[in-house]
């Protein structure tokens, strides 16, 4: 007895009782995680940039006060 190639591939079965809910939940959680990761990366980059600009402007401000 030979099997068809389609019988060897995994399939996702969804039922009316919500069998696809796990996949949907995984997609939403991974999307939220990716969005949070991008937001954290941007915020860290902006804070380092701002502190670098403040450090660079410190001698200039001290010179102008005199």
PDB file of N, CA and C in Angstrom:
ATOM      1  N   UNK A   1       0.848  -1.176   0.000  1.00  0.00           N
ATOM      2  CA  UNK A   1       0.000   0.000   0.000  1.00  0.00           C
ATOM      3  C   UNK A   1       0.895   1.242   0.000  1.00  0.00           C
ATOM      4  N   UNK A   2       0.662   2.145  -0.918  1.00  0.00           N
ATOM      5  CA  UNK A   2       1.456   3.369  -0.988  1.00  0.00           C
ATOM      6  C   UNK A   2       0.648   4.533  -0.447  1.00  0.00           C
ATOM      7  N   UNK A   3       1.385   5.460   0.141  1.00  0.00           N
ATOM      8  CA  UNK A   3       0.736   6.656   0.683  1.00  0.00           C
ATOM      9  C   UNK A   3       0.917   7.811  -0.287  1.00  0.00           C
ATOM     10  N   UNK A   4      -0.047   8.659  -0.317  1.00  0.00           N
ATOM     11  CA  UNK A   4       0.073   9.846  -1.160  1.00  0.00           C
ATOM     12  C   UNK A   4       0.927  10.873  -0.422  1.00  0.00           C
ATOM     13  N   UNK A   5       1.590  11.766  -1.139  1.00  0.00           N
ATOM     14  CA  UNK A   5       2.412  12.796  -0.473  1.00  0.00           C
ATOM     15  C   UNK A   5       1.604  13.681   0.455  1.00  0.00           C
ATOM     16  N   UNK A   6       0.332  13.851   0.156  1.00  0.00           N
ATOM     17  CA  UNK A   6      -0.489  14.701   1.013  1.00  0.00           C
ATOM     18  C   UNK A   6      -0.733  14.069   2.373  1.00  0.00           C
ATOM     19  N   UNK A   7      -0.720  12.758   2.451  1.00  0.00           N
ATOM     20  CA  UNK A   7      -0.945  12.090   3.721  1.00  0.00           C
ATOM     21  C   UNK A   7       0.259  12.238   4.648  1.00  0.00           C
ATOM     22  N   UNK A   8       1.418  12.541   4.101  1.00  0.00           N
ATOM     23  CA  UNK A   8       2.623  12.669   4.922  1.00  0.00           C
ATOM     24  C   UNK A   8       2.814  14.075   5.469  1.00  0.00           C
ATOM     25  N   UNK A   9       2.125  15.060   4.920  1.00  0.00           N
ATOM     26  CA  UNK A   9       2.306  16.430   5.383  1.00  0.00           C
ATOM     27  C   UNK A   9       1.393  16.693   6.572  1.00  0.00           C
ATOM     28  N   UNK A  10       1.888  17.422   7.556  1.00  0.00           N
ATOM     29  CA  UNK A  10       1.046  17.732   8.712  1.00  0.00           C
ATOM     30  C   UNK A  10      -0.033  18.733   8.314  1.00  0.00           C
ATOM     31  N   UNK A  11      -1.185  18.563   8.875  1.00  0.00           N
ATOM     32  CA  UNK A  11      -2.291  19.477   8.594  1.00  0.00           C
ATOM     33  C   UNK A  11      -2.792  20.050   9.893  1.00  0.00           C
ATOM     34  N   UNK A  12      -3.408  21.228   9.800  1.00  0.00           N
ATOM     35  CA  UNK A  12      -4.022  21.841  10.966  1.00  0.00           C
ATOM     36  C   UNK A  12      -5.524  21.646  10.851  1.00  0.00           C
ATOM     37  N   UNK A  13      -6.106  21.084  11.866  1.00  0.00           N
ATOM     38  CA  UNK A  13      -7.539  20.875  11.877  1.00  0.00           C
ATOM     39  C   UNK A  13      -8.150  21.893  12.814  1.00  0.00           C
ATOM     40  N   UNK A  14      -9.105  22.630  12.319  1.00  0.00           N
ATOM     41  CA  UNK A  14      -9.824  23.560  13.167  1.00  0.00           C
ATOM     42  C   UNK A  14     -11.242  23.062  13.306  1.00  0.00           C
ATOM     43  N   UNK A  15     -11.758  23.237  14.474  1.00  0.00           N
ATOM     44  CA  UNK A  15     -13.118  22.808  14.728  1.00  0.00           C
ATOM     45  C   UNK A  15     -13.935  24.002  15.161  1.00  0.00           C
ATOM     46  N   UNK A  16     -15.194  23.817  15.219  1.00  0.00           N
ATOM     47  CA  UNK A  16     -16.075  24.900  15.651  1.00  0.00           C
ATOM     48  C   UNK A  16     -15.845  25.247  17.111  1.00  0.00           C
ATOM     49  N   UNK A  17     -15.247  24.336  17.867  1.00  0.00           N
ATOM     50  CA  UNK A  17     -15.018  24.602  19.283  1.00  0.00           C
ATOM     51  C   UNK A  17     -13.763  25.425  19.531  1.00  0.00           C
ATOM     52  N   UNK A  18     -13.066  25.864  18.483  1.00  0.00           N
ATOM     53  CA  UNK A  18     -11.922  26.746  18.672  1.00  0.00           C
ATOM     54  C   UNK A  18     -10.593  26.038  18.598  1.00  0.00           C
ATOM     55  N   UNK A  19     -10.420  25.093  17.732  1.00  0.00           N
ATOM     56  CA  UNK A  19      -9.162  24.382  17.606  1.00  0.00           C
ATOM     57  C   UNK A  19      -8.037  25.260  17.087  1.00  0.00           C
ATOM     58  N   UNK A  20      -8.339  26.332  16.364  1.00  0.00           N
ATOM     59  CA  UNK A  20      -7.323  27.238  15.839  1.00  0.00           C
ATOM     60  C   UNK A  20      -6.975  28.350  16.799  1.00  0.00           C
ATOM     61  N   UNK A  21      -7.541  28.313  17.991  1.00  0.00           N
ATOM     62  CA  UNK A  21      -7.297  29.375  18.961  1.00  0.00           C
ATOM     63  C   UNK A  21      -5.856  29.395  19.421  1.00  0.00           C
ATOM     64  N   UNK A  22      -5.244  28.235  19.544  1.00  0.00           N
ATOM     65  CA  UNK A  22      -3.851  28.178  19.984  1.00  0.00           C
ATOM     66  C   UNK A  22      -2.923  28.840  18.997  1.00  0.00           C
ATOM     67  N   UNK A  23      -3.154  28.627  17.717  1.00  0.00           N
ATOM     68  CA  UNK A  23      -2.329  29.256  16.680  1.00  0.00           C
ATOM     69  C   UNK A  23      -2.530  30.760  16.672  1.00  0.00           C
ATOM     70  N   UNK A  24      -3.771  31.188  16.798  1.00  0.00           N
ATOM     71  CA  UNK A  24      -4.067  32.623  16.830  1.00  0.00           C
ATOM     72  C   UNK A  24      -3.429  33.277  18.044  1.00  0.00           C
ATOM     73  N   UNK A  25      -3.521  32.623  19.181  1.00  0.00           N
ATOM     74  CA  UNK A  25      -2.916  33.154  20.404  1.00  0.00           C
ATOM     75  C   UNK A  25      -1.402  33.245  20.268  1.00  0.00           C
ATOM     76  N   UNK A  26      -0.788  32.241  19.685  1.00  0.00           N
ATOM     77  CA  UNK A  26       0.661  32.257  19.478  1.00  0.00           C
ATOM     78  C   UNK A  26       1.062  33.394  18.546  1.00  0.00           C
ATOM     79  N   UNK A  27       0.289  33.636  17.505  1.00  0.00           N
ATOM     80  CA  UNK A  27       0.592  34.723  16.567  1.00  0.00           C
ATOM     81  C   UNK A  27       0.467  36.076  17.252  1.00  0.00           C
ATOM     82  N   UNK A  28      -0.570  36.253  18.051  1.00  0.00           N
ATOM     83  CA  UNK A  28      -0.770  37.528  18.748  1.00  0.00           C
ATOM     84  C   UNK A  28       0.338  37.762  19.759  1.00  0.00           C
ATOM     85  N   UNK A  29       0.673  36.748  20.534  1.00  0.00           N
ATOM     86  CA  UNK A  29       1.721  36.884  21.557  1.00  0.00           C
ATOM     87  C   UNK A  29       3.067  37.167  20.898  1.00  0.00           C
ATOM     88  N   UNK A  30       3.376  36.484  19.802  1.00  0.00           N
ATOM     89  CA  UNK A  30       4.655  36.735  19.145  1.00  0.00           C
ATOM     90  C   UNK A  30       4.682  38.131  18.522  1.00  0.00           C
ATOM     91  N   UNK A  31       3.552  38.595  18.007  1.00  0.00           N
ATOM     92  CA  UNK A  31       3.486  39.954  17.468  1.00  0.00           C
ATOM     93  C   UNK A  31       3.676  40.999  18.553  1.00  0.00           C
ATOM     94  N   UNK A  32       3.049  40.781  19.688  1.00  0.00           N
ATOM     95  CA  UNK A  32       3.197  41.706  20.815  1.00  0.00           C
ATOM     96  C   UNK A  32       4.639  41.696  21.306  1.00  0.00           C
ATOM     97  N   UNK A  33       5.234  40.517  21.396  1.00  0.00           N
ATOM     98  CA  UNK A  33       6.621  40.412  21.839  1.00  0.00           C
ATOM     99  C   UNK A  33       7.558  41.138  20.879  1.00  0.00           C
ATOM    100  N   UNK A  34       7.354  40.963  19.582  1.00  0.00           N
ATOM    101  CA  UNK A  34       8.187  41.633  18.591  1.00  0.00           C
ATOM    102  C   UNK A  34       8.028  43.148  18.677  1.00  0.00           C
ATOM    103  N   UNK A  35       6.798  43.620  18.832  1.00  0.00           N
ATOM    104  CA  UNK A  35       6.562  45.059  18.970  1.00  0.00           C
ATOM    105  C   UNK A  35       7.227  45.629  20.208  1.00  0.00           C
ATOM    106  N   UNK A  36       7.149  44.901  21.318  1.00  0.00           N
ATOM    107  CA  UNK A  36       7.787  45.359  22.553  1.00  0.00           C
ATOM    108  C   UNK A  36       9.303  45.379  22.412  1.00  0.00           C
ATOM    109  N   UNK A  37       9.854  44.393  21.740  1.00  0.00           N
ATOM    110  CA  UNK A  37      11.304  44.333  21.525  1.00  0.00           C
ATOM    111  C   UNK A  37      11.780  45.506  20.678  1.00  0.00           C
ATOM    112  N   UNK A  38      11.041  45.832  19.637  1.00  0.00           N
ATOM    113  CA  UNK A  38      11.405  46.976  18.791  1.00  0.00           C
ATOM    114  C   UNK A  38      11.302  48.271  19.585  1.00  0.00           C
ATOM    115  N   UNK A  39      10.250  48.416  20.390  1.00  0.00           N
ATOM    116  CA  UNK A  39      10.070  49.629  21.191  1.00  0.00           C
ATOM    117  C   UNK A  39      11.197  49.794  22.206  1.00  0.00           C
ATOM    118  N   UNK A  40      11.573  48.727  22.870  1.00  0.00           N
ATOM    119  CA  UNK A  40      12.666  48.789  23.849  1.00  0.00           C
ATOM    120  C   UNK A  40      13.971  49.169  23.165  1.00  0.00           C
ATOM    121  N   UNK A  41      14.230  48.582  22.009  1.00  0.00           N
ATOM    122  CA  UNK A  41      15.465  48.887  21.282  1.00  0.00           C
ATOM    123  C   UNK A  41      15.525  50.360  20.893  1.00  0.00           C
ATOM    124  N   UNK A  42      14.427  50.892  20.392  1.00  0.00           N
ATOM    125  CA  UNK A  42      14.393  52.306  19.998  1.00  0.00           C
ATOM    126  C   UNK A  42      14.572  53.208  21.213  1.00  0.00           C
ATOM    127  N   UNK A  43      13.910  52.881  22.325  1.00  0.00           N
ATOM    128  CA  UNK A  43      14.032  53.716  23.528  1.00  0.00           C
ATOM    129  C   UNK A  43      15.439  53.700  24.104  1.00  0.00           C
ATOM    130  N   UNK A  44      16.087  52.552  24.100  1.00  0.00           N
ATOM    131  CA  UNK A  44      17.471  52.486  24.579  1.00  0.00           C
ATOM    132  C   UNK A  44      18.374  53.310  23.680  1.00  0.00           C
ATOM    133  N   UNK A  45      18.196  53.206  22.369  1.00  0.00           N
ATOM    134  CA  UNK A  45      19.015  53.968  21.427  1.00  0.00           C
ATOM    135  C   UNK A  45      18.813  55.471  21.625  1.00  0.00           C
ATOM    136  N   UNK A  46      17.546  55.899  21.798  1.00  0.00           N
ATOM    137  CA  UNK A  46      17.279  57.324  21.988  1.00  0.00           C
ATOM    138  C   UNK A  46      17.853  57.843  23.303  1.00  0.00           C
ATOM    139  N   UNK A  47      17.775  57.055  24.371  1.00  0.00           N
ATOM    140  CA  UNK A  47      18.314  57.526  25.651  1.00  0.00           C
ATOM    141  C   UNK A  47      19.836  57.623  25.607  1.00  0.00           C
ATOM    142  N   UNK A  48      20.481  56.673  24.951  1.00  0.00           N
ATOM    143  CA  UNK A  48      21.943  56.763  24.820  1.00  0.00           C
ATOM    144  C   UNK A  48      22.338  57.956  23.967  1.00  0.00           C
ATOM    145  N   UNK A  49      21.590  58.211  22.919  1.00  0.00           N
ATOM    146  CA  UNK A  49      21.876  59.356  22.054  1.00  0.00           C
ATOM    147  C   UNK A  49      21.722  60.668  22.825  1.00  0.00           C
ATOM    148  N   UNK A  50      20.646  60.755  23.625  1.00  0.00           N
ATOM    149  CA  UNK A  50      20.423  61.978  24.398  1.00  0.00           C
ATOM    150  C   UNK A  50      21.523  62.182  25.432  1.00  0.00           C
ATOM    151  N   UNK A  51      21.927  61.121  26.131  1.00  0.00           N
ATOM    152  CA  UNK A  51      22.984  61.273  27.135  1.00  0.00           C
ATOM    153  C   UNK A  51      24.310  61.639  26.464  1.00  0.00           C
ATOM    154  N   UNK A  52      24.539  61.118  25.266  1.00  0.00           N
ATOM    155  CA  UNK A  52      25.759  61.471  24.537  1.00  0.00           C
ATOM    156  C   UNK A  52      25.730  62.950  24.140  1.00  0.00           C
ATOM    157  N   UNK A  53      24.570  63.436  23.700  1.00  0.00           N
ATOM    158  CA  UNK A  53      24.453  64.858  23.340  1.00  0.00           C
ATOM    159  C   UNK A  53      24.637  65.748  24.566  1.00  0.00           C
ATOM    160  N   UNK A  54      24.070  65.339  25.711  1.00  0.00           N
ATOM    161  CA  UNK A  54      24.236  66.125  26.937  1.00  0.00           C
ATOM    162  C   UNK A  54      25.688  66.153  27.382  1.00  0.00           C
ATOM    163  N   UNK A  55      26.369  65.043  27.263  1.00  0.00           N
ATOM    164  CA  UNK A  55      27.779  64.979  27.633  1.00  0.00           C
ATOM    165  C   UNK A  55      28.615  65.872  26.712  1.00  0.00           C
ATOM    166  N   UNK A  56      28.257  65.900  25.457  1.00  0.00           N
ATOM    167  CA  UNK A  56      28.983  66.716  24.491  1.00  0.00           C
ATOM    168  C   UNK A  56      28.733  68.208  24.731  1.00  0.00           C
ATOM    169  N   UNK A  57      27.530  68.555  25.201  1.00  0.00           N
ATOM    170  CA  UNK A  57      27.195  69.970  25.419  1.00  0.00           C
ATOM    171  C   UNK A  57      27.660  70.496  26.770  1.00  0.00           C
ATOM    172  N   UNK A  58      28.071  69.636  27.680  1.00  0.00           N
ATOM    173  CA  UNK A  58      28.489  70.067  29.006  1.00  0.00           C
ATOM    174  C   UNK A  58      29.653  71.061  28.968  1.00  0.00           C
ATOM    175  N   UNK A  59      30.737  70.796  28.267  1.00  0.00           N
ATOM    176  CA  UNK A  59      31.828  71.789  28.235  1.00  0.00           C
ATOM    177  C   UNK A  59      31.400  73.097  27.565  1.00  0.00           C
ATOM    178  N   UNK A  60      30.558  73.010  26.574  1.00  0.00           N
ATOM    179  CA  UNK A  60      30.083  74.207  25.893  1.00  0.00           C
ATOM    180  C   UNK A  60      29.284  75.089  26.852  1.00  0.00           C
ATOM    181  N   UNK A  61      28.429  74.477  27.655  1.00  0.00           N
ATOM    182  CA  UNK A  61      27.621  75.237  28.618  1.00  0.00           C
ATOM    183  C   UNK A  61      28.516  75.847  29.687  1.00  0.00           C
ATOM    184  N   UNK A  62      29.523  75.128  30.139  1.00  0.00           N
ATOM    185  CA  UNK A  62      30.437  75.656  31.155  1.00  0.00           C
ATOM    186  C   UNK A  62      31.261  76.815  30.591  1.00  0.00           C
ATOM    187  N   UNK A  63      31.626  76.754  29.336  1.00  0.00           N
ATOM    188  CA  UNK A  63      32.408  77.813  28.728  1.00  0.00           C
ATOM    189  C   UNK A  63      31.567  79.073  28.540  1.00  0.00           C
ATOM    190  N   UNK A  64      30.298  78.923  28.215  1.00  0.00           N
ATOM    191  CA  UNK A  64      29.430  80.068  27.975  1.00  0.00           C
ATOM    192  C   UNK A  64      29.024  80.779  29.260  1.00  0.00           C
ATOM    193  N   UNK A  65      29.081  80.109  30.400  1.00  0.00           N
ATOM    194  CA  UNK A  65      28.721  80.711  31.672  1.00  0.00           C
ATOM    195  C   UNK A  65      29.743  81.737  32.145  1.00  0.00           C
ATOM    196  N   UNK A  66      30.966  81.581  31.716  1.00  0.00           N
ATOM    197  CA  UNK A  66      32.035  82.463  32.206  1.00  0.00           C
ATOM    198  C   UNK A  66      31.974  83.814  31.613  1.00  0.00           C
TER     199      UNK A  66
END
